[in-house]
Amino acid sequence: MAQGFVNSKIHPGKVVVFIKPTCPYCRKTQELLSQLPFKQGLLEFVDITTSDDTDEIQNYLEELTGARTVPRVFIGKECIGGCNDLVTLQQNGELLNRLKQIGALQ
């Protein structure tokens, strides 16, 4: 269930972030990404607490990415890590380039 759920959300031309709404790092990630000019439908925040399988989802994220913490940020099919990794990409100018490469920005 968890593997199918996670895999169904990740797409090559989309940014997907697995979050928990109470997590301050998730909120910071949402704020940062929400300021960017994404094309309609190409930025998705997936609240894993709405599922009864939260632990299984996090276990699968760990298997897939090496960490079970949230947020888990996927740019296309690649997990770039969490909030701090996203901030680093933004600060060194790589974030916009990556988003343009997958065609996610207006």
C-alpha atoms as a PDB file:
ATOM      1  CA  MET A   1       0.000   0.000   0.000  1.00  0.00           C
ATOM      2  CA  ALA A   2       2.642   2.559   1.084  1.00  0.00           C
ATOM      3  CA  GLN A   3       4.955   1.774  -1.836  1.00  0.00           C
ATOM      4  CA  GLY A   4       2.148   2.119  -4.383  1.00  0.00           C
ATOM      5  CA  PHE A   5       0.917   5.337  -2.749  1.00  0.00           C
ATOM      6  CA  VAL A   6       4.354   6.991  -2.781  1.00  0.00           C
ATOM      7  CA  ASN A   7       5.236   5.795  -6.288  1.00  0.00           C
ATOM      8  CA  SER A   8       1.904   7.039  -7.658  1.00  0.00           C
ATOM      9  CA  LYS A   9       2.718  10.575  -6.484  1.00  0.00           C
ATOM     10  CA  ILE A  10       6.230  10.894  -7.940  1.00  0.00           C
ATOM     11  CA  HIS A  11       6.335  12.066 -11.582  1.00  0.00           C
ATOM     12  CA  PRO A  12       9.180  13.224 -13.861  1.00  0.00           C
ATOM     13  CA  GLY A  13       7.808  16.744 -14.499  1.00  0.00           C
ATOM     14  CA  LYS A  14       6.490  17.502 -11.041  1.00  0.00           C
ATOM     15  CA  VAL A  15       7.650  18.555  -7.582  1.00  0.00           C
ATOM     16  CA  VAL A  16       6.166  16.436  -4.789  1.00  0.00           C
ATOM     17  CA  VAL A  17       6.770  17.002  -1.098  1.00  0.00           C
ATOM     18  CA  PHE A  18       5.727  14.463   1.525  1.00  0.00           C
ATOM     19  CA  ILE A  19       4.824  16.371   4.698  1.00  0.00           C
ATOM     20  CA  LYS A  20       3.247  16.341   8.130  1.00  0.00           C
ATOM     21  CA  PRO A  21       1.307  19.589   8.775  1.00  0.00           C
ATOM     22  CA  THR A  22       2.615  19.945  12.354  1.00  0.00           C
ATOM     23  CA  CYS A  23       6.275  19.815  11.271  1.00  0.00           C
ATOM     24  CA  PRO A  24       7.996  23.240  11.241  1.00  0.00           C
ATOM     25  CA  TYR A  25      10.454  22.095   8.530  1.00  0.00           C
ATOM     26  CA  CYS A  26       7.510  21.032   6.367  1.00  0.00           C
ATOM     27  CA  ARG A  27       5.880  24.444   6.804  1.00  0.00           C
ATOM     28  CA  LYS A  28       9.127  26.208   5.889  1.00  0.00           C
ATOM     29  CA  THR A  29       9.446  24.015   2.775  1.00  0.00           C
ATOM     30  CA  GLN A  30       5.850  24.801   1.799  1.00  0.00           C
ATOM     31  CA  GLU A  31       6.438  28.540   2.241  1.00  0.00           C
ATOM     32  CA  LEU A  32       9.614  28.487   0.142  1.00  0.00           C
ATOM     33  CA  LEU A  33       8.140  26.471  -2.731  1.00  0.00           C
ATOM     34  CA  SER A  34       4.790  28.294  -2.697  1.00  0.00           C
ATOM     35  CA  GLN A  35       6.566  31.556  -3.560  1.00  0.00           C
ATOM     36  CA  LEU A  36       7.781  30.152  -6.893  1.00  0.00           C
ATOM     37  CA  PRO A  37       5.813  30.419 -10.169  1.00  0.00           C
ATOM     38  CA  PHE A  38       4.883  26.759 -10.651  1.00  0.00           C
ATOM     39  CA  LYS A  39       2.668  25.713 -13.539  1.00  0.00           C
ATOM     40  CA  GLN A  40      -0.783  24.584 -12.404  1.00  0.00           C
ATOM     41  CA  GLY A  41      -0.690  21.091 -10.888  1.00  0.00           C
ATOM     42  CA  LEU A  42       3.094  20.668 -10.907  1.00  0.00           C
ATOM     43  CA  LEU A  43       3.646  21.286  -7.192  1.00  0.00           C
ATOM     44  CA  GLU A  44       2.005  18.903  -4.748  1.00  0.00           C
ATOM     45  CA  PHE A  45       2.219  18.646  -0.984  1.00  0.00           C
ATOM     46  CA  VAL A  46       1.211  15.191   0.225  1.00  0.00           C
ATOM     47  CA  ASP A  47       0.091  15.076   3.861  1.00  0.00           C
ATOM     48  CA  ILE A  48       1.075  11.585   4.996  1.00  0.00           C
ATOM     49  CA  THR A  49      -0.880  11.908   8.254  1.00  0.00           C
ATOM     50  CA  THR A  50      -4.203  11.588   6.412  1.00  0.00           C
ATOM     51  CA  SER A  51      -3.393   7.906   5.881  1.00  0.00           C
ATOM     52  CA  ASP A  52      -3.526   5.085   8.410  1.00  0.00           C
ATOM     53  CA  ASP A  53      -0.206   3.987   6.908  1.00  0.00           C
ATOM     54  CA  THR A  54       1.945   6.947   8.038  1.00  0.00           C
ATOM     55  CA  ASP A  55       4.665   4.708   9.528  1.00  0.00           C
ATOM     56  CA  GLU A  56       4.701   2.430   6.483  1.00  0.00           C
ATOM     57  CA  ILE A  57       4.930   5.462   4.183  1.00  0.00           C
ATOM     58  CA  GLN A  58       7.882   6.810   6.168  1.00  0.00           C
ATOM     59  CA  ASN A  59       9.536   3.376   6.155  1.00  0.00           C
ATOM     60  CA  TYR A  60       9.196   3.198   2.372  1.00  0.00           C
ATOM     61  CA  LEU A  61      10.535   6.767   2.006  1.00  0.00           C
ATOM     62  CA  GLU A  62      13.560   5.652   4.030  1.00  0.00           C
ATOM     63  CA  GLU A  63      14.035   2.651   1.749  1.00  0.00           C
ATOM     64  CA  LEU A  64      13.714   4.911  -1.299  1.00  0.00           C
ATOM     65  CA  THR A  65      15.709   7.954  -0.141  1.00  0.00           C
ATOM     66  CA  GLY A  66      17.820   6.919   2.837  1.00  0.00           C
ATOM     67  CA  ALA A  67      15.801   8.972   5.337  1.00  0.00           C
ATOM     68  CA  ARG A  68      12.333   8.613   6.823  1.00  0.00           C
ATOM     69  CA  THR A  69      12.054  12.183   8.059  1.00  0.00           C
ATOM     70  CA  VAL A  70       9.730  14.719   6.480  1.00  0.00           C
ATOM     71  CA  PRO A  71       9.671  16.741   4.419  1.00  0.00           C
ATOM     72  CA  ARG A  72      10.961  14.529   1.598  1.00  0.00           C
ATOM     73  CA  VAL A  73      11.264  16.717  -1.497  1.00  0.00           C
ATOM     74  CA  PHE A  74      11.168  15.142  -4.952  1.00  0.00           C
ATOM     75  CA  ILE A  75      12.092  17.212  -7.985  1.00  0.00           C
ATOM     76  CA  GLY A  76      10.919  14.981 -10.757  1.00  0.00           C
ATOM     77  CA  LYS A  77      11.905  11.424  -9.849  1.00  0.00           C
ATOM     78  CA  GLU A  78      14.886  12.538  -7.741  1.00  0.00           C
ATOM     79  CA  CYS A  79      14.679  13.077  -3.993  1.00  0.00           C
ATOM     80  CA  ILE A  80      16.815  16.107  -3.172  1.00  0.00           C
ATOM     81  CA  GLY A  81      16.377  15.573   0.576  1.00  0.00           C
ATOM     82  CA  GLY A  82      14.563  17.700   3.120  1.00  0.00           C
ATOM     83  CA  CYS A  83      14.100  21.329   4.086  1.00  0.00           C
ATOM     84  CA  ASN A  84      17.771  22.165   4.656  1.00  0.00           C
ATOM     85  CA  ASP A  85      18.729  20.568   1.336  1.00  0.00           C
ATOM     86  CA  LEU A  86      16.053  22.637  -0.427  1.00  0.00           C
ATOM     87  CA  VAL A  87      17.288  25.853   1.203  1.00  0.00           C
ATOM     88  CA  THR A  88      20.862  25.026   0.151  1.00  0.00           C
ATOM     89  CA  LEU A  89      19.732  24.488  -3.458  1.00  0.00           C
ATOM     90  CA  GLN A  90      17.918  27.820  -3.375  1.00  0.00           C
ATOM     91  CA  GLN A  91      20.877  29.675  -1.878  1.00  0.00           C
ATOM     92  CA  ASN A  92      23.380  28.354  -4.415  1.00  0.00           C
ATOM     93  CA  GLY A  93      21.063  29.126  -7.334  1.00  0.00           C
ATOM     94  CA  GLU A  94      20.489  25.495  -8.327  1.00  0.00           C
ATOM     95  CA  LEU A  95      16.814  25.237  -7.343  1.00  0.00           C
ATOM     96  CA  LEU A  96      15.392  27.346 -10.177  1.00  0.00           C
ATOM     97  CA  ASN A  97      17.630  25.576 -12.704  1.00  0.00           C
ATOM     98  CA  ARG A  98      16.382  22.164 -11.584  1.00  0.00           C
ATOM     99  CA  LEU A  99      12.767  23.288 -11.670  1.00  0.00           C
ATOM    100  CA  LYS A 100      13.236  24.715 -15.180  1.00  0.00           C
ATOM    101  CA  GLN A 101      14.898  21.483 -16.322  1.00  0.00           C
ATOM    102  CA  ILE A 102      11.780  19.454 -15.483  1.00  0.00           C
ATOM    103  CA  GLY A 103       9.481  22.139 -16.953  1.00  0.00           C
ATOM    104  CA  ALA A 104       7.672  22.861 -13.684  1.00  0.00           C
ATOM    105  CA  LEU A 105       7.820  26.671 -13.787  1.00  0.00           C
ATOM    106  CA  GLN A 106       5.688  29.141 -15.724  1.00  0.00           C
END
